[in-house]
Each structure stands twice: as C-alpha cells, then as structure tokens.
Amino acid sequence: MTSEPSDDQRKQTIKSRPFCLAIVALVGLSFAVFGEKGALRLHQMRQHQAHLVERVHQLQVGNLLLHKEVEALQNDDRYLEQVARGKLSFVRDGEMVYQFLPRPR
C-alpha cells in the first residue's frame, strides 16, 4: 500500500526546487570559476605563457648577440685586439702603460 504525497508535501517539493537548482547552479559556477580548470586558472596559465614567450624572445636575442660576438672574435682581428686590450690589459710592444692611483678623499 503506497501513500500518495499530500498537497502540502507537493507544495513543499515545488517550493524547494528553485532553491535546489540555485544551489546546484552556484556549485557549478564556483567550479567553473575557481576549479582546477576554471576561468581563474586559465587566466593564470595565459599570463604564465605570455611571460614564457617573452623570456624565450629575450633568450633568442641574447643568443644572437653571443653568436655575433663569437663570429667577431673568430674573424675580426681589430675586435679581438680591442677585447684583449680591454679585458686582459694587453699592450703592444713598445707601448707604455700609465697607472694612476686613486685620489685620496
């Protein structure tokens, strides 16, 4: 023997449906925004990707400059001499080097 729900129970069920739907929608929306694959995570990943793309560009520019310097060191005698004089303090035969002491304060 099954009992039919009363009118009060039906009304209560009908009144609680929008509340349940609102809760389900709120939970779904929170997962869509804050979840592991949500909108905030997507935004963070896009920012990280843009940062990495910029870093790759910087490294490519630096790499190109280093390749040009290596080529200049291998093929340009004047540049090689300039580096040797500047960084290694080399001098030619017969040149005099003057060294000055720093001024006392």
Protein backbone atom coordinates (compact mmCIF):
# COMPACT_ATOMS: atom_id res chain seq x y z
CA MET A 1 0.00 0.00 0.00
CA THR A 2 1.63 3.19 -1.18
CA SER A 3 0.54 6.50 0.08
CA GLU A 4 0.19 9.43 -2.25
CA PRO A 5 2.01 12.61 -1.20
CA SER A 6 -0.32 15.16 0.27
CA ASP A 7 -0.90 18.58 -1.25
CA ASP A 8 1.30 20.16 1.43
CA GLN A 9 4.16 17.83 0.56
CA ARG A 10 3.75 18.61 -3.16
CA LYS A 11 3.77 22.35 -2.48
CA GLN A 12 6.85 21.98 -0.29
CA THR A 13 8.62 19.99 -3.05
CA ILE A 14 7.69 22.60 -5.66
CA LYS A 15 8.94 25.43 -3.40
CA SER A 16 12.25 23.68 -2.72
CA ARG A 17 13.05 23.05 -6.41
CA PRO A 18 14.25 26.60 -7.19
CA PHE A 19 16.39 26.52 -4.05
CA CYS A 20 17.97 23.22 -5.07
CA LEU A 21 18.52 24.47 -8.61
CA ALA A 22 20.12 27.62 -7.26
CA ILE A 23 22.46 25.56 -5.06
CA VAL A 24 23.43 23.29 -7.98
CA ALA A 25 23.98 26.33 -10.22
CA LEU A 26 26.09 28.02 -7.54
CA VAL A 27 28.25 24.93 -7.05
CA GLY A 28 28.66 24.53 -10.82
CA LEU A 29 29.57 28.19 -11.24
CA SER A 30 32.10 28.03 -8.43
CA PHE A 31 33.79 25.03 -10.10
CA ALA A 32 33.75 26.86 -13.45
CA VAL A 33 35.47 29.90 -11.95
CA PHE A 34 37.64 28.51 -9.14
CA GLY A 35 38.15 24.88 -10.10
CA GLU A 36 41.34 23.27 -11.38
CA LYS A 37 40.33 24.00 -14.97
CA GLY A 38 38.34 27.13 -14.14
CA ALA A 39 38.47 30.61 -15.57
CA LEU A 40 40.92 31.94 -12.97
CA ARG A 41 43.35 29.08 -13.61
CA LEU A 42 43.03 29.65 -17.36
CA HIS A 43 43.84 33.34 -16.87
CA GLN A 44 46.88 32.48 -14.75
CA MET A 45 48.11 29.98 -17.33
CA ARG A 46 47.76 32.53 -20.14
CA GLN A 47 49.76 35.07 -18.13
CA HIS A 48 52.43 32.46 -17.47
CA GLN A 49 52.52 31.56 -21.16
CA ALA A 50 52.95 35.23 -22.13
CA HIS A 51 55.80 35.52 -19.62
CA LEU A 52 57.48 32.43 -21.06
CA VAL A 53 57.10 33.69 -24.63
CA GLU A 54 58.75 36.98 -23.63
CA ARG A 55 61.55 35.09 -21.87
CA VAL A 56 62.14 32.92 -24.95
CA HIS A 57 62.36 36.09 -27.07
CA GLN A 58 64.91 37.61 -24.65
CA LEU A 59 66.99 34.44 -24.73
CA GLN A 60 66.90 34.33 -28.54
CA VAL A 61 68.12 37.93 -28.73
CA GLY A 62 70.90 37.17 -26.23
CA ASN A 63 71.83 34.04 -28.18
CA LEU A 64 72.05 36.03 -31.42
CA LEU A 65 74.33 38.60 -29.75
CA LEU A 66 76.59 35.85 -28.44
CA HIS A 67 76.79 34.24 -31.89
CA LYS A 68 77.77 37.59 -33.38
CA GLU A 69 80.45 38.08 -30.72
CA VAL A 70 81.87 34.60 -31.34
CA GLU A 71 81.96 35.32 -35.08
CA ALA A 72 83.69 38.65 -34.45
CA LEU A 73 86.25 37.03 -32.16
CA GLN A 74 86.99 34.41 -34.78
CA ASN A 75 87.10 36.69 -37.84
CA ASP A 76 87.72 40.31 -36.81
CA ASP A 77 91.28 40.95 -35.66
CA ARG A 78 90.53 44.53 -34.58
CA TYR A 79 87.69 43.38 -32.34
CA LEU A 80 89.87 40.62 -30.90
CA GLU A 81 92.58 43.18 -30.13
CA GLN A 82 90.03 45.50 -28.54
CA VAL A 83 88.82 42.70 -26.26
CA ALA A 84 92.36 41.65 -25.39
CA ARG A 85 93.34 45.22 -24.53
CA GLY A 86 90.16 45.99 -22.58
CA LYS A 87 89.55 42.83 -20.64
CA LEU A 88 93.02 41.32 -20.42
CA SER A 89 95.06 44.57 -20.27
CA PHE A 90 97.30 43.53 -23.17
CA VAL A 91 99.63 46.10 -24.72
CA ARG A 92 101.67 46.16 -27.90
CA ASP A 93 105.44 46.03 -27.89
CA GLY A 94 106.87 49.47 -27.24
CA GLU A 95 103.70 50.90 -25.66
CA MET A 96 103.86 52.43 -22.21
CA VAL A 97 101.15 51.89 -19.65
CA TYR A 98 100.41 54.61 -17.12
CA GLN A 99 98.67 53.61 -13.95
CA PHE A 100 97.21 56.23 -11.69
CA LEU A 101 96.46 55.82 -8.03
CA PRO A 102 93.00 56.84 -6.92
CA ARG A 103 92.77 60.24 -5.30
CA PRO A 104 92.54 60.21 -1.51
CA ARG A 105 89.28 61.57 -0.21
